């Protein structure tokens, strides 16, 4: 049973990025998710905002940061 997304306009893009493991596709999906989150944050700040969604957006940006650090950077080679 799949859980319904509370904020699908940006959560679906984030979900797609999380599930992507091809580095080229991942970079594109991360950019799209990050842009959607940024746009939504700007809209919420300009209007009466939903504090629950702002927290979710911040969490989304944290996830994007992790995806960039762990999946987009080239692997570190060590001498063994």
N, C-alpha and C. Protein backbone atom coordinates (compact mmCIF):
# COMPACT_ATOMS: atom_id res chain seq x y z
N UNK A 1 0.84 -1.18 0.00
CA UNK A 1 0.00 0.00 0.00
C UNK A 1 0.88 1.24 0.00
N UNK A 2 0.72 2.08 -1.01
CA UNK A 2 1.52 3.28 -1.12
C UNK A 2 0.84 4.43 -0.39
N UNK A 3 1.63 5.15 0.39
CA UNK A 3 1.11 6.28 1.15
C UNK A 3 0.93 7.48 0.23
N UNK A 4 -0.19 8.18 0.38
CA UNK A 4 -0.46 9.37 -0.42
C UNK A 4 0.46 10.50 0.03
N UNK A 5 0.96 11.25 -0.93
CA UNK A 5 1.85 12.37 -0.62
C UNK A 5 1.02 13.58 -0.20
N UNK A 6 1.48 14.23 0.84
CA UNK A 6 0.76 15.39 1.37
C UNK A 6 0.97 16.62 0.48
N UNK A 7 2.16 16.74 -0.13
CA UNK A 7 2.51 17.89 -0.98
C UNK A 7 3.07 17.37 -2.32
N UNK A 8 2.21 16.77 -3.14
CA UNK A 8 2.71 16.07 -4.34
C UNK A 8 3.38 16.97 -5.37
N UNK A 9 3.10 18.27 -5.39
CA UNK A 9 3.67 19.14 -6.43
C UNK A 9 5.20 19.17 -6.37
N UNK A 10 5.79 18.95 -5.20
CA UNK A 10 7.26 18.88 -5.12
C UNK A 10 7.74 17.55 -4.55
N UNK A 11 6.91 16.88 -3.75
CA UNK A 11 7.34 15.61 -3.15
C UNK A 11 7.52 14.51 -4.20
N UNK A 12 6.73 14.53 -5.27
CA UNK A 12 6.89 13.50 -6.30
C UNK A 12 8.24 13.63 -6.98
N UNK A 13 8.66 14.87 -7.24
CA UNK A 13 9.97 15.09 -7.86
C UNK A 13 11.10 14.63 -6.94
N UNK A 14 10.96 14.90 -5.65
CA UNK A 14 11.95 14.45 -4.68
C UNK A 14 11.97 12.93 -4.61
N UNK A 15 10.82 12.33 -4.60
CA UNK A 15 10.70 10.87 -4.57
C UNK A 15 11.40 10.25 -5.78
N UNK A 16 11.16 10.84 -6.96
CA UNK A 16 11.79 10.35 -8.18
C UNK A 16 13.32 10.43 -8.09
N UNK A 17 13.83 11.51 -7.50
CA UNK A 17 15.28 11.67 -7.35
C UNK A 17 15.85 10.64 -6.38
N UNK A 18 15.15 10.41 -5.29
CA UNK A 18 15.62 9.45 -4.29
C UNK A 18 15.75 8.06 -4.89
N UNK A 19 14.83 7.70 -5.76
CA UNK A 19 14.82 6.36 -6.35
C UNK A 19 15.72 6.21 -7.57
N UNK A 20 16.38 7.29 -7.99
CA UNK A 20 17.23 7.25 -9.19
C UNK A 20 18.67 6.91 -8.81
N UNK A 21 19.27 5.97 -9.55
CA UNK A 21 20.65 5.60 -9.29
C UNK A 21 21.57 5.83 -10.49
N UNK A 22 21.02 6.16 -11.64
CA UNK A 22 21.83 6.53 -12.79
C UNK A 22 22.32 7.96 -12.55
N UNK A 23 23.63 8.18 -12.58
CA UNK A 23 24.19 9.48 -12.18
C UNK A 23 23.72 10.63 -13.07
N UNK A 24 23.58 10.39 -14.37
CA UNK A 24 23.13 11.45 -15.27
C UNK A 24 21.68 11.82 -14.98
N UNK A 25 20.84 10.81 -14.87
CA UNK A 25 19.42 11.05 -14.57
C UNK A 25 19.26 11.62 -13.17
N UNK A 26 20.07 11.17 -12.23
CA UNK A 26 19.98 11.67 -10.86
C UNK A 26 20.25 13.17 -10.82
N UNK A 27 21.29 13.62 -11.50
CA UNK A 27 21.62 15.05 -11.49
C UNK A 27 20.44 15.87 -12.01
N UNK A 28 19.81 15.42 -13.07
CA UNK A 28 18.66 16.13 -13.65
C UNK A 28 17.48 16.14 -12.68
N UNK A 29 17.21 15.00 -12.08
CA UNK A 29 16.07 14.89 -11.16
C UNK A 29 16.30 15.68 -9.87
N UNK A 30 17.54 15.72 -9.41
CA UNK A 30 17.86 16.51 -8.22
C UNK A 30 17.64 17.99 -8.52
N UNK A 31 18.09 18.45 -9.69
CA UNK A 31 17.89 19.86 -10.06
C UNK A 31 16.41 20.21 -10.13
N UNK A 32 15.61 19.32 -10.72
CA UNK A 32 14.16 19.58 -10.83
C UNK A 32 13.51 19.63 -9.45
N UNK A 33 13.86 18.70 -8.58
CA UNK A 33 13.28 18.67 -7.24
C UNK A 33 13.70 19.90 -6.45
N UNK A 34 14.97 20.25 -6.54
CA UNK A 34 15.48 21.41 -5.82
C UNK A 34 14.79 22.69 -6.29
N UNK A 35 14.60 22.82 -7.59
CA UNK A 35 13.92 24.00 -8.14
C UNK A 35 12.47 24.07 -7.66
N UNK A 36 11.78 22.94 -7.68
CA UNK A 36 10.38 22.91 -7.24
C UNK A 36 10.26 23.26 -5.76
N UNK A 37 11.18 22.78 -4.96
CA UNK A 37 11.17 23.09 -3.52
C UNK A 37 11.45 24.57 -3.31
N UNK A 38 12.42 25.11 -4.02
CA UNK A 38 12.75 26.54 -3.88
C UNK A 38 11.57 27.43 -4.27
N UNK A 39 10.92 27.10 -5.37
CA UNK A 39 9.76 27.88 -5.81
C UNK A 39 8.65 27.82 -4.77
N UNK A 40 8.39 26.63 -4.25
CA UNK A 40 7.33 26.47 -3.26
C UNK A 40 7.66 27.23 -1.97
N UNK A 41 8.91 27.19 -1.55
CA UNK A 41 9.31 27.93 -0.34
C UNK A 41 9.10 29.43 -0.53
N UNK A 42 9.44 29.94 -1.70
CA UNK A 42 9.24 31.37 -1.96
C UNK A 42 7.76 31.73 -1.92
N UNK A 43 6.91 30.88 -2.49
CA UNK A 43 5.47 31.14 -2.47
C UNK A 43 4.93 31.13 -1.05
N UNK A 44 5.38 30.19 -0.24
CA UNK A 44 4.88 30.10 1.13
C UNK A 44 5.36 31.27 1.97
N UNK A 45 6.54 31.73 1.72
CA UNK A 45 7.07 32.88 2.48
C UNK A 45 6.33 34.16 2.12
N UNK A 46 5.89 34.27 0.85
CA UNK A 46 5.22 35.48 0.39
C UNK A 46 3.75 35.53 0.84
N UNK A 47 3.16 34.40 1.08
CA UNK A 47 1.75 34.34 1.47
C UNK A 47 1.65 33.86 2.91
N UNK A 48 0.43 33.77 3.37
CA UNK A 48 0.27 33.13 4.68
C UNK A 48 0.68 31.68 4.49
N UNK A 49 1.63 31.25 5.24
CA UNK A 49 2.26 29.96 4.96
C UNK A 49 1.77 28.85 5.88
N UNK A 50 2.06 27.67 5.43
CA UNK A 50 1.74 26.45 6.16
C UNK A 50 3.02 25.99 6.85
N UNK A 51 3.12 26.13 8.18
CA UNK A 51 4.37 25.75 8.87
C UNK A 51 4.73 24.28 8.70
N UNK A 52 3.74 23.41 8.59
CA UNK A 52 4.03 21.99 8.39
C UNK A 52 4.72 21.75 7.05
N UNK A 53 4.24 22.43 6.02
CA UNK A 53 4.87 22.26 4.72
C UNK A 53 6.26 22.89 4.69
N UNK A 54 6.44 24.01 5.37
CA UNK A 54 7.78 24.60 5.42
C UNK A 54 8.78 23.63 6.04
N UNK A 55 8.38 22.94 7.10
CA UNK A 55 9.26 21.93 7.71
C UNK A 55 9.54 20.81 6.72
N UNK A 56 8.50 20.38 6.01
CA UNK A 56 8.68 19.31 5.02
C UNK A 56 9.62 19.77 3.91
N UNK A 57 9.50 21.03 3.49
CA UNK A 57 10.39 21.57 2.46
C UNK A 57 11.83 21.60 2.94
N UNK A 58 12.04 22.01 4.17
CA UNK A 58 13.39 22.00 4.73
C UNK A 58 13.96 20.58 4.77
N UNK A 59 13.12 19.63 5.15
CA UNK A 59 13.56 18.23 5.14
C UNK A 59 13.92 17.80 3.72
N UNK A 60 13.11 18.22 2.76
CA UNK A 60 13.39 17.90 1.36
C UNK A 60 14.73 18.44 0.91
N UNK A 61 15.05 19.67 1.29
CA UNK A 61 16.36 20.25 0.94
C UNK A 61 17.50 19.48 1.60
N UNK A 62 17.27 19.01 2.81
CA UNK A 62 18.30 18.20 3.48
C UNK A 62 18.53 16.89 2.72
N UNK A 63 17.46 16.29 2.26
CA UNK A 63 17.58 15.05 1.48
C UNK A 63 18.34 15.32 0.19
N UNK A 64 18.04 16.42 -0.48
CA UNK A 64 18.75 16.77 -1.71
C UNK A 64 20.24 16.96 -1.43
N UNK A 65 20.58 17.62 -0.33
CA UNK A 65 21.99 17.81 0.02
C UNK A 65 22.67 16.45 0.17
N UNK A 66 22.01 15.51 0.83
CA UNK A 66 22.58 14.17 1.01
C UNK A 66 22.74 13.46 -0.33
N UNK A 67 21.73 13.57 -1.19
CA UNK A 67 21.83 12.94 -2.52
C UNK A 67 23.02 13.50 -3.29
N UNK A 68 23.21 14.80 -3.23
CA UNK A 68 24.34 15.41 -3.94
C UNK A 68 25.67 14.93 -3.37
N UNK A 69 25.77 14.87 -2.06
CA UNK A 69 27.03 14.48 -1.44
C UNK A 69 27.34 13.00 -1.63
N UNK A 70 26.34 12.15 -1.49
CA UNK A 70 26.59 10.71 -1.48
C UNK A 70 26.47 10.04 -2.83
N UNK A 71 25.61 10.56 -3.71
CA UNK A 71 25.39 9.84 -4.96
C UNK A 71 25.94 10.55 -6.18
N UNK A 72 26.13 11.85 -6.10
CA UNK A 72 26.59 12.56 -7.30
C UNK A 72 28.09 12.75 -7.32
N UNK A 73 28.72 12.73 -6.17
CA UNK A 73 30.17 12.91 -6.17
C UNK A 73 30.84 11.62 -6.60
N UNK A 74 31.99 11.74 -7.28
CA UNK A 74 32.69 10.52 -7.71
C UNK A 74 33.18 9.73 -6.49
N UNK A 75 33.24 8.41 -6.62
CA UNK A 75 33.69 7.60 -5.50
C UNK A 75 35.13 7.91 -5.12
N UNK A 76 35.39 7.85 -3.84
CA UNK A 76 36.74 8.10 -3.34
C UNK A 76 37.52 6.79 -3.44
N UNK A 77 38.67 6.85 -4.11
CA UNK A 77 39.50 5.67 -4.25
C UNK A 77 40.53 5.67 -3.14
N UNK A 78 40.70 4.53 -2.53
CA UNK A 78 41.68 4.42 -1.45
C UNK A 78 42.75 3.41 -1.84
N UNK A 79 43.92 3.60 -1.32
CA UNK A 79 45.00 2.63 -1.54
C UNK A 79 44.88 1.55 -0.48
N UNK A 80 44.74 0.34 -0.94
CA UNK A 80 44.63 -0.78 0.02
C UNK A 80 45.76 -1.73 -0.18
